[in-house]
Amino acid sequence: MKMKLAALAVVLVLTAAAMVGFIAWQLREYREGPKERPEISAFTHGTLVRVAPLLYCDRTLTDCDPPGRIAELPVNSIEPVQLSVDGQIAKGPWSVKPVYADLTDPSIKYADETIHRDHRTAVTVPTVNDSGRKLVGIEVSVPTVGVNELGEQVFRARAIWSVATVWKN
């Protein structure tokens, strides 16, 4: 009888320890997110680039990865850029901001941000806008709510992916 009780106690202790470990693992995954960071991809004129995050932070903006790199994509004025985002990004709101400039004076830039909330995973970005300005870059971001210096809630990017265009003649 004592052996059965001892065996039952061991089973209960091991089960409880396994449950605590599983719950701790799930909480870490929820707080930190998966270790593998989502990517975006940009495609045009037969060239595909996969882009890792330039900036990636946790939901509270307190723990951020070291800064990443800006990817480069060769473009022309005929074919648009097909931009795809990972399904993990598309689960919530995300934005795409194409940046255009007149290449004779690239210091003046024009950007138009579009926020997507419909779980789409792809968008088409023209390389020349309606005003004849050329695409110089694309920024994709995922927002989170933060608090500014005045204590007001504001949207801030917790993840950013960036693509710079290289114009081919």
N, C-alpha and C. Protein backbone atom coordinates (compact mmCIF):
# COMPACT_ATOMS: atom_id res chain seq x y z
N MET A 1 0.82 -1.18 0.00
CA MET A 1 0.00 0.00 0.00
C MET A 1 0.87 1.26 0.00
N LYS A 2 1.95 1.23 0.83
CA LYS A 2 2.84 2.38 0.89
C LYS A 2 3.55 2.59 -0.45
N MET A 3 3.87 1.51 -1.13
CA MET A 3 4.53 1.61 -2.43
C MET A 3 3.62 2.27 -3.46
N LYS A 4 2.33 1.90 -3.42
CA LYS A 4 1.38 2.48 -4.36
C LYS A 4 1.23 3.98 -4.09
N LEU A 5 1.15 4.36 -2.82
CA LEU A 5 1.02 5.78 -2.47
C LEU A 5 2.28 6.55 -2.87
N ALA A 6 3.44 5.94 -2.67
CA ALA A 6 4.69 6.60 -3.05
C ALA A 6 4.76 6.77 -4.57
N ALA A 7 4.36 5.74 -5.31
CA ALA A 7 4.36 5.82 -6.77
C ALA A 7 3.37 6.88 -7.25
N LEU A 8 2.20 6.94 -6.65
CA LEU A 8 1.20 7.94 -7.00
C LEU A 8 1.72 9.34 -6.69
N ALA A 9 2.39 9.51 -5.58
CA ALA A 9 2.95 10.82 -5.22
C ALA A 9 4.01 11.25 -6.24
N VAL A 10 4.85 10.31 -6.66
CA VAL A 10 5.88 10.62 -7.67
C VAL A 10 5.22 11.04 -8.97
N VAL A 11 4.19 10.32 -9.40
CA VAL A 11 3.48 10.65 -10.65
C VAL A 11 2.85 12.04 -10.54
N LEU A 12 2.23 12.34 -9.41
CA LEU A 12 1.60 13.66 -9.22
C LEU A 12 2.63 14.78 -9.24
N VAL A 13 3.76 14.57 -8.59
CA VAL A 13 4.81 15.59 -8.56
C VAL A 13 5.37 15.81 -9.97
N LEU A 14 5.64 14.74 -10.70
CA LEU A 14 6.16 14.87 -12.07
C LEU A 14 5.14 15.55 -12.99
N THR A 15 3.87 15.22 -12.84
CA THR A 15 2.83 15.85 -13.65
C THR A 15 2.74 17.34 -13.34
N ALA A 16 2.78 17.69 -12.07
CA ALA A 16 2.72 19.10 -11.67
C ALA A 16 3.94 19.86 -12.21
N ALA A 17 5.11 19.25 -12.13
CA ALA A 17 6.32 19.91 -12.64
C ALA A 17 6.23 20.11 -14.15
N ALA A 18 5.72 19.11 -14.85
CA ALA A 18 5.57 19.23 -16.31
C ALA A 18 4.58 20.34 -16.65
N MET A 19 3.49 20.43 -15.90
CA MET A 19 2.50 21.48 -16.16
C MET A 19 3.08 22.86 -15.90
N VAL A 20 3.82 23.03 -14.84
CA VAL A 20 4.45 24.32 -14.54
C VAL A 20 5.44 24.69 -15.64
N GLY A 21 6.23 23.73 -16.09
CA GLY A 21 7.18 24.00 -17.17
C GLY A 21 6.48 24.39 -18.46
N PHE A 22 5.40 23.70 -18.79
CA PHE A 22 4.65 24.01 -20.00
C PHE A 22 4.04 25.41 -19.92
N ILE A 23 3.46 25.75 -18.80
CA ILE A 23 2.86 27.09 -18.63
C ILE A 23 3.93 28.17 -18.72
N ALA A 24 5.09 27.95 -18.12
CA ALA A 24 6.17 28.94 -18.20
C ALA A 24 6.64 29.11 -19.64
N TRP A 25 6.75 28.02 -20.38
CA TRP A 25 7.15 28.09 -21.79
C TRP A 25 6.12 28.87 -22.60
N GLN A 26 4.84 28.60 -22.38
CA GLN A 26 3.78 29.32 -23.11
C GLN A 26 3.79 30.81 -22.78
N LEU A 27 4.00 31.16 -21.52
CA LEU A 27 4.05 32.57 -21.14
C LEU A 27 5.24 33.27 -21.80
N ARG A 28 6.38 32.61 -21.86
CA ARG A 28 7.54 33.21 -22.52
C ARG A 28 7.26 33.41 -24.00
N GLU A 29 6.67 32.42 -24.65
CA GLU A 29 6.33 32.55 -26.07
C GLU A 29 5.36 33.70 -26.29
N TYR A 30 4.39 33.87 -25.38
CA TYR A 30 3.42 34.95 -25.53
C TYR A 30 4.09 36.31 -25.36
N ARG A 31 4.95 36.43 -24.34
CA ARG A 31 5.60 37.72 -24.07
C ARG A 31 6.65 38.07 -25.11
N GLU A 32 7.49 37.13 -25.45
CA GLU A 32 8.63 37.41 -26.33
C GLU A 32 8.33 37.15 -27.80
N GLY A 33 7.36 36.32 -28.07
CA GLY A 33 7.10 35.93 -29.45
C GLY A 33 8.10 34.87 -29.87
N PRO A 34 7.90 34.30 -31.03
CA PRO A 34 8.84 33.27 -31.49
C PRO A 34 10.21 33.88 -31.76
N LYS A 35 11.25 33.10 -31.58
CA LYS A 35 12.62 33.60 -31.76
C LYS A 35 12.91 33.90 -33.23
N GLU A 36 12.31 33.15 -34.13
CA GLU A 36 12.52 33.39 -35.54
C GLU A 36 11.66 34.58 -35.95
N ARG A 37 12.29 35.61 -36.45
CA ARG A 37 11.56 36.84 -36.80
C ARG A 37 10.93 36.73 -38.18
N PRO A 38 9.72 37.27 -38.35
CA PRO A 38 9.08 37.21 -39.66
C PRO A 38 9.82 38.06 -40.68
N GLU A 39 9.70 37.68 -41.93
CA GLU A 39 10.35 38.41 -43.03
C GLU A 39 9.29 38.92 -43.99
N ILE A 40 9.69 39.90 -44.79
CA ILE A 40 8.89 40.31 -45.94
C ILE A 40 9.71 39.96 -47.17
N SER A 41 9.07 39.97 -48.33
CA SER A 41 9.82 39.79 -49.56
C SER A 41 9.33 40.79 -50.59
N ALA A 42 10.24 41.22 -51.45
CA ALA A 42 9.92 42.16 -52.52
C ALA A 42 10.43 41.56 -53.82
N PHE A 43 9.58 41.63 -54.85
CA PHE A 43 9.91 41.02 -56.14
C PHE A 43 9.59 41.99 -57.26
N THR A 44 10.50 42.12 -58.20
CA THR A 44 10.25 42.85 -59.44
C THR A 44 11.28 42.44 -60.47
N HIS A 45 10.86 42.44 -61.72
CA HIS A 45 11.75 42.24 -62.86
C HIS A 45 12.68 41.03 -62.66
N GLY A 46 12.12 39.93 -62.14
CA GLY A 46 12.90 38.70 -61.97
C GLY A 46 13.80 38.66 -60.75
N THR A 47 13.77 39.68 -59.91
CA THR A 47 14.63 39.71 -58.73
C THR A 47 13.77 39.65 -57.46
N LEU A 48 14.13 38.73 -56.57
CA LEU A 48 13.44 38.58 -55.29
C LEU A 48 14.43 38.86 -54.17
N VAL A 49 14.02 39.71 -53.21
CA VAL A 49 14.83 39.91 -52.01
C VAL A 49 13.98 39.56 -50.80
N ARG A 50 14.58 38.85 -49.87
CA ARG A 50 13.94 38.55 -48.59
C ARG A 50 14.52 39.52 -47.58
N VAL A 51 13.64 40.08 -46.77
CA VAL A 51 14.05 41.18 -45.90
C VAL A 51 13.78 40.82 -44.44
N ALA A 52 14.83 40.81 -43.64
CA ALA A 52 14.70 40.62 -42.19
C ALA A 52 14.34 41.97 -41.57
N PRO A 53 13.84 41.98 -40.35
CA PRO A 53 13.46 43.26 -39.74
C PRO A 53 14.64 44.21 -39.55
N LEU A 54 14.40 45.48 -39.83
CA LEU A 54 15.36 46.54 -39.52
C LEU A 54 15.28 46.84 -38.02
N LEU A 55 14.06 46.77 -37.49
CA LEU A 55 13.79 46.98 -36.06
C LEU A 55 12.77 45.94 -35.64
N TYR A 56 13.00 45.29 -34.49
CA TYR A 56 12.02 44.33 -33.98
C TYR A 56 12.04 44.39 -32.46
N CYS A 57 10.91 44.77 -31.87
CA CYS A 57 10.79 44.91 -30.41
C CYS A 57 9.64 44.05 -29.90
N ASP A 58 9.64 43.81 -28.59
CA ASP A 58 8.50 43.12 -27.99
C ASP A 58 7.31 44.08 -27.96
N ARG A 59 6.16 43.59 -27.51
CA ARG A 59 4.94 44.39 -27.55
C ARG A 59 5.00 45.64 -26.67
N THR A 60 5.86 45.63 -25.66
CA THR A 60 5.96 46.79 -24.76
C THR A 60 7.08 47.74 -25.15
N LEU A 61 7.80 47.43 -26.22
CA LEU A 61 8.92 48.24 -26.72
C LEU A 61 10.08 48.34 -25.73
N THR A 62 10.17 47.39 -24.81
CA THR A 62 11.25 47.42 -23.82
C THR A 62 12.42 46.52 -24.18
N ASP A 63 12.18 45.54 -25.04
CA ASP A 63 13.24 44.60 -25.43
C ASP A 63 13.30 44.55 -26.95
N CYS A 64 14.33 45.16 -27.53
CA CYS A 64 14.46 45.23 -28.99
C CYS A 64 15.71 44.49 -29.46
N ASP A 65 15.60 43.86 -30.62
CA ASP A 65 16.76 43.21 -31.24
C ASP A 65 17.74 44.29 -31.70
N PRO A 66 19.01 43.94 -31.90
CA PRO A 66 19.95 44.89 -32.51
C PRO A 66 19.43 45.30 -33.89
N PRO A 67 19.72 46.52 -34.33
CA PRO A 67 19.22 46.98 -35.63
C PRO A 67 19.66 46.07 -36.77
N GLY A 68 18.74 45.85 -37.70
CA GLY A 68 19.04 45.04 -38.88
C GLY A 68 19.53 45.91 -40.02
N ARG A 69 19.37 45.40 -41.25
CA ARG A 69 19.87 46.11 -42.43
C ARG A 69 18.73 46.48 -43.36
N ILE A 70 18.96 47.50 -44.16
CA ILE A 70 18.03 47.89 -45.22
C ILE A 70 18.39 47.07 -46.45
N ALA A 71 17.40 46.39 -47.02
CA ALA A 71 17.64 45.59 -48.22
C ALA A 71 17.60 46.49 -49.45
N GLU A 72 18.24 46.06 -50.52
CA GLU A 72 18.23 46.81 -51.77
C GLU A 72 17.59 45.97 -52.86
N LEU A 73 16.77 46.64 -53.69
CA LEU A 73 16.07 45.97 -54.78
C LEU A 73 16.22 46.79 -56.05
N PRO A 74 16.80 46.19 -57.11
CA PRO A 74 16.88 46.90 -58.39
C PRO A 74 15.49 47.02 -59.01
N VAL A 75 15.14 48.21 -59.51
CA VAL A 75 13.81 48.44 -60.10
C VAL A 75 13.94 49.17 -61.43
N ASN A 76 12.85 49.16 -62.19
CA ASN A 76 12.75 49.97 -63.40
C ASN A 76 11.39 50.66 -63.39
N SER A 77 11.14 51.52 -64.35
CA SER A 77 9.89 52.29 -64.34
C SER A 77 8.71 51.52 -64.93
N ILE A 78 8.95 50.32 -65.44
CA ILE A 78 7.88 49.58 -66.11
C ILE A 78 7.18 48.60 -65.16
N GLU A 79 7.95 47.85 -64.40
CA GLU A 79 7.37 46.78 -63.58
C GLU A 79 7.22 47.20 -62.13
N PRO A 80 6.04 46.98 -61.52
CA PRO A 80 5.84 47.34 -60.11
C PRO A 80 6.55 46.35 -59.19
N VAL A 81 6.59 46.68 -57.92
CA VAL A 81 7.15 45.80 -56.90
C VAL A 81 6.00 45.01 -56.27
N GLN A 82 6.16 43.70 -56.23
CA GLN A 82 5.20 42.84 -55.54
C GLN A 82 5.75 42.60 -54.14
N LEU A 83 5.05 43.12 -53.15
CA LEU A 83 5.50 43.05 -51.77
C LEU A 83 4.67 42.01 -51.03
N SER A 84 5.32 41.06 -50.36
CA SER A 84 4.62 40.02 -49.60
C SER A 84 5.09 40.07 -48.15
N VAL A 85 4.14 39.88 -47.23
CA VAL A 85 4.48 39.85 -45.81
C VAL A 85 4.17 38.47 -45.25
N ASP A 86 4.90 38.08 -44.24
CA ASP A 86 4.71 36.82 -43.54
C ASP A 86 3.30 36.80 -42.93
N GLY A 87 2.71 35.61 -42.85
CA GLY A 87 1.39 35.47 -42.24
C GLY A 87 1.34 35.96 -40.81
N GLN A 88 2.47 35.86 -40.09
CA GLN A 88 2.53 36.36 -38.71
C GLN A 88 2.32 37.87 -38.67
N ILE A 89 2.82 38.59 -39.67
CA ILE A 89 2.63 40.04 -39.77
C ILE A 89 1.18 40.34 -40.10
N ALA A 90 0.60 39.59 -41.04
CA ALA A 90 -0.75 39.85 -41.52
C ALA A 90 -1.84 39.51 -40.51
N LYS A 91 -1.50 38.84 -39.42
CA LYS A 91 -2.50 38.51 -38.40
C LYS A 91 -3.11 39.75 -37.77
N GLY A 92 -2.36 40.83 -37.73
CA GLY A 92 -2.85 42.07 -37.13
C GLY A 92 -2.66 43.21 -38.10
N PRO A 93 -2.91 44.44 -37.65
CA PRO A 93 -2.71 45.57 -38.56
C PRO A 93 -1.24 45.76 -38.90
N TRP A 94 -0.98 46.14 -40.14
CA TRP A 94 0.38 46.45 -40.59
C TRP A 94 0.26 47.54 -41.64
N SER A 95 1.34 48.27 -41.83
CA SER A 95 1.29 49.36 -42.79
C SER A 95 2.42 49.24 -43.80
N VAL A 96 2.15 49.79 -44.99
CA VAL A 96 3.18 49.89 -46.02
C VAL A 96 3.26 51.36 -46.42
N LYS A 97 4.50 51.85 -46.48
CA LYS A 97 4.73 53.25 -46.81
C LYS A 97 5.73 53.33 -47.96
N PRO A 98 5.23 53.45 -49.21
CA PRO A 98 6.15 53.68 -50.32
C PRO A 98 6.63 55.13 -50.27
N VAL A 99 7.92 55.33 -50.52
CA VAL A 99 8.51 56.67 -50.50
C VAL A 99 8.96 57.00 -51.92
N TYR A 100 8.49 58.14 -52.43
CA TYR A 100 8.80 58.57 -53.79
C TYR A 100 9.58 59.87 -53.77
N ALA A 101 10.37 60.11 -54.82
CA ALA A 101 11.13 61.35 -54.94
C ALA A 101 11.38 61.63 -56.42
N ASP A 102 11.59 62.91 -56.71
CA ASP A 102 12.07 63.32 -58.02
C ASP A 102 13.57 63.10 -57.97
N LEU A 103 14.10 62.23 -58.80
CA LEU A 103 15.51 61.86 -58.69
C LEU A 103 16.46 63.00 -59.02
N THR A 104 15.95 64.11 -59.61
CA THR A 104 16.82 65.28 -59.82
C THR A 104 17.01 66.03 -58.51
N ASP A 105 16.09 65.87 -57.55
CA ASP A 105 16.22 66.46 -56.21
C ASP A 105 15.70 65.45 -55.19
N PRO A 106 16.47 64.39 -54.92
CA PRO A 106 15.99 63.32 -54.04
C PRO A 106 15.88 63.71 -52.57
N SER A 107 16.30 64.93 -52.21
CA SER A 107 16.19 65.33 -50.80
C SER A 107 14.73 65.58 -50.41
N ILE A 108 13.86 65.83 -51.38
CA ILE A 108 12.43 66.03 -51.10
C ILE A 108 11.72 64.73 -51.41
N LYS A 109 11.15 64.13 -50.36
CA LYS A 109 10.52 62.83 -50.51
C LYS A 109 9.03 62.93 -50.20
N TYR A 110 8.26 62.05 -50.81
CA TYR A 110 6.81 61.99 -50.62
C TYR A 110 6.44 60.56 -50.25
N ALA A 111 5.69 60.42 -49.18
CA ALA A 111 5.28 59.09 -48.72
C ALA A 111 3.78 59.07 -48.47
N ASP A 112 3.18 57.94 -48.72
CA ASP A 112 1.76 57.76 -48.50
C ASP A 112 1.57 56.42 -47.81
N GLU A 113 1.21 56.45 -46.54
CA GLU A 113 1.10 55.22 -45.75
C GLU A 113 -0.30 54.62 -45.88
N THR A 114 -0.35 53.31 -46.07
CA THR A 114 -1.61 52.58 -46.11
C THR A 114 -1.57 51.52 -45.02
N ILE A 115 -2.62 51.49 -44.19
CA ILE A 115 -2.70 50.51 -43.11
C ILE A 115 -3.64 49.39 -43.55
N HIS A 116 -3.19 48.15 -43.39
CA HIS A 116 -3.99 46.98 -43.77
C HIS A 116 -4.42 46.26 -42.50
N ARG A 117 -5.71 46.00 -42.42
CA ARG A 117 -6.27 45.28 -41.26
C ARG A 117 -7.04 44.03 -41.71
N ASP A 118 -6.92 43.68 -42.97
CA ASP A 118 -7.76 42.62 -43.54
C ASP A 118 -7.03 41.31 -43.76
N HIS A 119 -5.93 41.10 -43.10
CA HIS A 119 -5.14 39.86 -43.16
C HIS A 119 -4.54 39.60 -44.53
N ARG A 120 -4.48 40.62 -45.39
CA ARG A 120 -3.84 40.42 -46.70
C ARG A 120 -2.34 40.22 -46.49
N THR A 121 -1.74 39.45 -47.38
CA THR A 121 -0.32 39.16 -47.26
C THR A 121 0.49 39.71 -48.43
N ALA A 122 -0.16 40.40 -49.37
CA ALA A 122 0.58 40.93 -50.52
C ALA A 122 -0.04 42.23 -51.02
N VAL A 123 0.81 43.13 -51.50
CA VAL A 123 0.38 44.38 -52.12
C VAL A 123 1.29 44.66 -53.31
N THR A 124 0.79 45.45 -54.24
CA THR A 124 1.56 45.89 -55.39
C THR A 124 1.91 47.35 -55.21
N VAL A 125 3.19 47.68 -55.39
CA VAL A 125 3.66 49.05 -55.22
C VAL A 125 4.21 49.53 -56.57
N PRO A 126 3.60 50.58 -57.16
CA PRO A 126 4.12 51.11 -58.42
C PRO A 126 5.50 51.72 -58.22
N THR A 127 6.37 51.58 -59.22
CA THR A 127 7.71 52.18 -59.11
C THR A 127 7.71 53.65 -59.50
N VAL A 128 6.66 54.10 -60.18
CA VAL A 128 6.49 55.52 -60.50
C VAL A 128 5.08 55.90 -60.07
N ASN A 129 4.94 56.98 -59.26
CA ASN A 129 3.60 57.35 -58.80
C ASN A 129 2.89 58.22 -59.84
N ASP A 130 1.67 58.63 -59.54
CA ASP A 130 0.86 59.41 -60.48
C ASP A 130 1.48 60.76 -60.82
N SER A 131 2.34 61.27 -59.96
CA SER A 131 3.00 62.56 -60.20
C SER A 131 4.32 62.40 -60.95
N GLY A 132 4.67 61.18 -61.32
CA GLY A 132 5.91 60.94 -62.06
C GLY A 132 7.13 60.79 -61.17
N ARG A 133 6.94 60.78 -59.85
CA ARG A 133 8.07 60.59 -58.94
C ARG A 133 8.42 59.10 -58.88
N LYS A 134 9.70 58.84 -58.64
CA LYS A 134 10.18 57.45 -58.64
C LYS A 134 10.28 56.90 -57.22
N LEU A 135 10.03 55.61 -57.11
CA LEU A 135 10.09 54.91 -55.83
C LEU A 135 11.53 54.84 -55.35
N VAL A 136 11.80 55.37 -54.15
CA VAL A 136 13.15 55.31 -53.59
C VAL A 136 13.24 54.34 -52.41
N GLY A 137 12.09 53.93 -51.88
CA GLY A 137 12.11 52.98 -50.78
C GLY A 137 10.72 52.56 -50.37
N ILE A 138 10.65 51.47 -49.61
CA ILE A 138 9.39 50.96 -49.08
C ILE A 138 9.63 50.60 -47.62
N GLU A 139 8.73 51.04 -46.75
CA GLU A 139 8.81 50.69 -45.34
C GLU A 139 7.54 49.95 -44.95
N VAL A 140 7.71 48.81 -44.30
CA VAL A 140 6.59 48.04 -43.75
C VAL A 140 6.74 48.08 -42.24
N SER A 141 5.63 48.33 -41.53
CA SER A 141 5.74 48.38 -40.07
C SER A 141 4.53 47.73 -39.40
N VAL A 142 4.75 47.29 -38.18
CA VAL A 142 3.70 46.73 -37.33
C VAL A 142 3.60 47.64 -36.11
N PRO A 143 2.40 48.19 -35.84
CA PRO A 143 2.27 49.13 -34.73
C PRO A 143 1.97 48.44 -33.40
N THR A 144 2.23 49.18 -32.34
CA THR A 144 1.78 48.83 -31.00
C THR A 144 1.41 50.13 -30.32
N VAL A 145 0.71 50.06 -29.22
CA VAL A 145 0.33 51.27 -28.50
C VAL A 145 1.39 51.55 -27.45
N GLY A 146 1.89 52.79 -27.45
CA GLY A 146 2.87 53.22 -26.46
C GLY A 146 2.35 54.45 -25.74
N VAL A 147 3.16 54.97 -24.85
CA VAL A 147 2.80 56.18 -24.10
C VAL A 147 3.89 57.20 -24.34
N ASN A 148 3.50 58.42 -24.73
CA ASN A 148 4.49 59.47 -24.98
C ASN A 148 4.86 60.19 -23.69
N GLU A 149 5.69 61.24 -23.82
CA GLU A 149 6.19 61.98 -22.66
C GLU A 149 5.07 62.64 -21.86
N LEU A 150 3.94 62.93 -22.52
CA LEU A 150 2.80 63.57 -21.85
C LEU A 150 1.84 62.56 -21.23
N GLY A 151 2.18 61.28 -21.34
CA GLY A 151 1.32 60.24 -20.79
C GLY A 151 0.17 59.86 -21.71
N GLU A 152 0.20 60.32 -22.95
CA GLU A 152 -0.86 60.02 -23.90
C GLU A 152 -0.54 58.73 -24.66
N GLN A 153 -1.57 57.97 -24.99
CA GLN A 153 -1.37 56.76 -25.78
C GLN A 153 -1.14 57.14 -27.23
N VAL A 154 -0.11 56.55 -27.83
CA VAL A 154 0.21 56.80 -29.23
C VAL A 154 0.59 55.48 -29.89
N PHE A 155 0.42 55.43 -31.21
CA PHE A 155 0.87 54.26 -31.96
C PHE A 155 2.34 54.42 -32.30
N ARG A 156 3.10 53.38 -32.05
CA ARG A 156 4.52 53.36 -32.40
C ARG A 156 4.82 52.06 -33.11
N ALA A 157 5.81 52.10 -33.98
CA ALA A 157 6.21 50.88 -34.69
C ALA A 157 7.01 49.99 -33.76
N ARG A 158 6.61 48.73 -33.66
CA ARG A 158 7.40 47.77 -32.87
C ARG A 158 8.24 46.89 -33.78
N ALA A 159 7.93 46.94 -35.08
CA ALA A 159 8.72 46.19 -36.06
C ALA A 159 8.72 46.98 -37.36
N ILE A 160 9.89 47.06 -38.00
CA ILE A 160 10.03 47.78 -39.27
C ILE A 160 10.90 46.94 -40.21
N TRP A 161 10.46 46.85 -41.46
CA TRP A 161 11.24 46.25 -42.53
C TRP A 161 11.44 47.34 -43.57
N SER A 162 12.62 47.43 -44.17
CA SER A 162 12.91 48.52 -45.09
C SER A 162 13.60 48.01 -46.35
N VAL A 163 13.12 48.53 -47.50
CA VAL A 163 13.69 48.19 -48.80
C VAL A 163 14.04 49.48 -49.51
N ALA A 164 15.30 49.63 -49.92
CA ALA A 164 15.73 50.77 -50.73
C ALA A 164 15.78 50.32 -52.19
N THR A 165 15.34 51.18 -53.09
CA THR A 165 15.38 50.81 -54.50
C THR A 165 16.65 51.32 -55.16
N VAL A 166 17.12 50.56 -56.13
CA VAL A 166 18.28 50.94 -56.94
C VAL A 166 17.77 50.99 -58.38
N TRP A 167 17.79 52.18 -58.97
CA TRP A 167 17.22 52.36 -60.30
C TRP A 167 18.16 51.88 -61.39
N LYS A 168 17.60 51.07 -62.29
CA LYS A 168 18.35 50.58 -63.47
C LYS A 168 17.85 51.36 -64.68
N ASN A 169 18.74 51.72 -65.55
CA ASN A 169 18.34 52.46 -66.76
C ASN A 169 17.74 51.55 -67.79
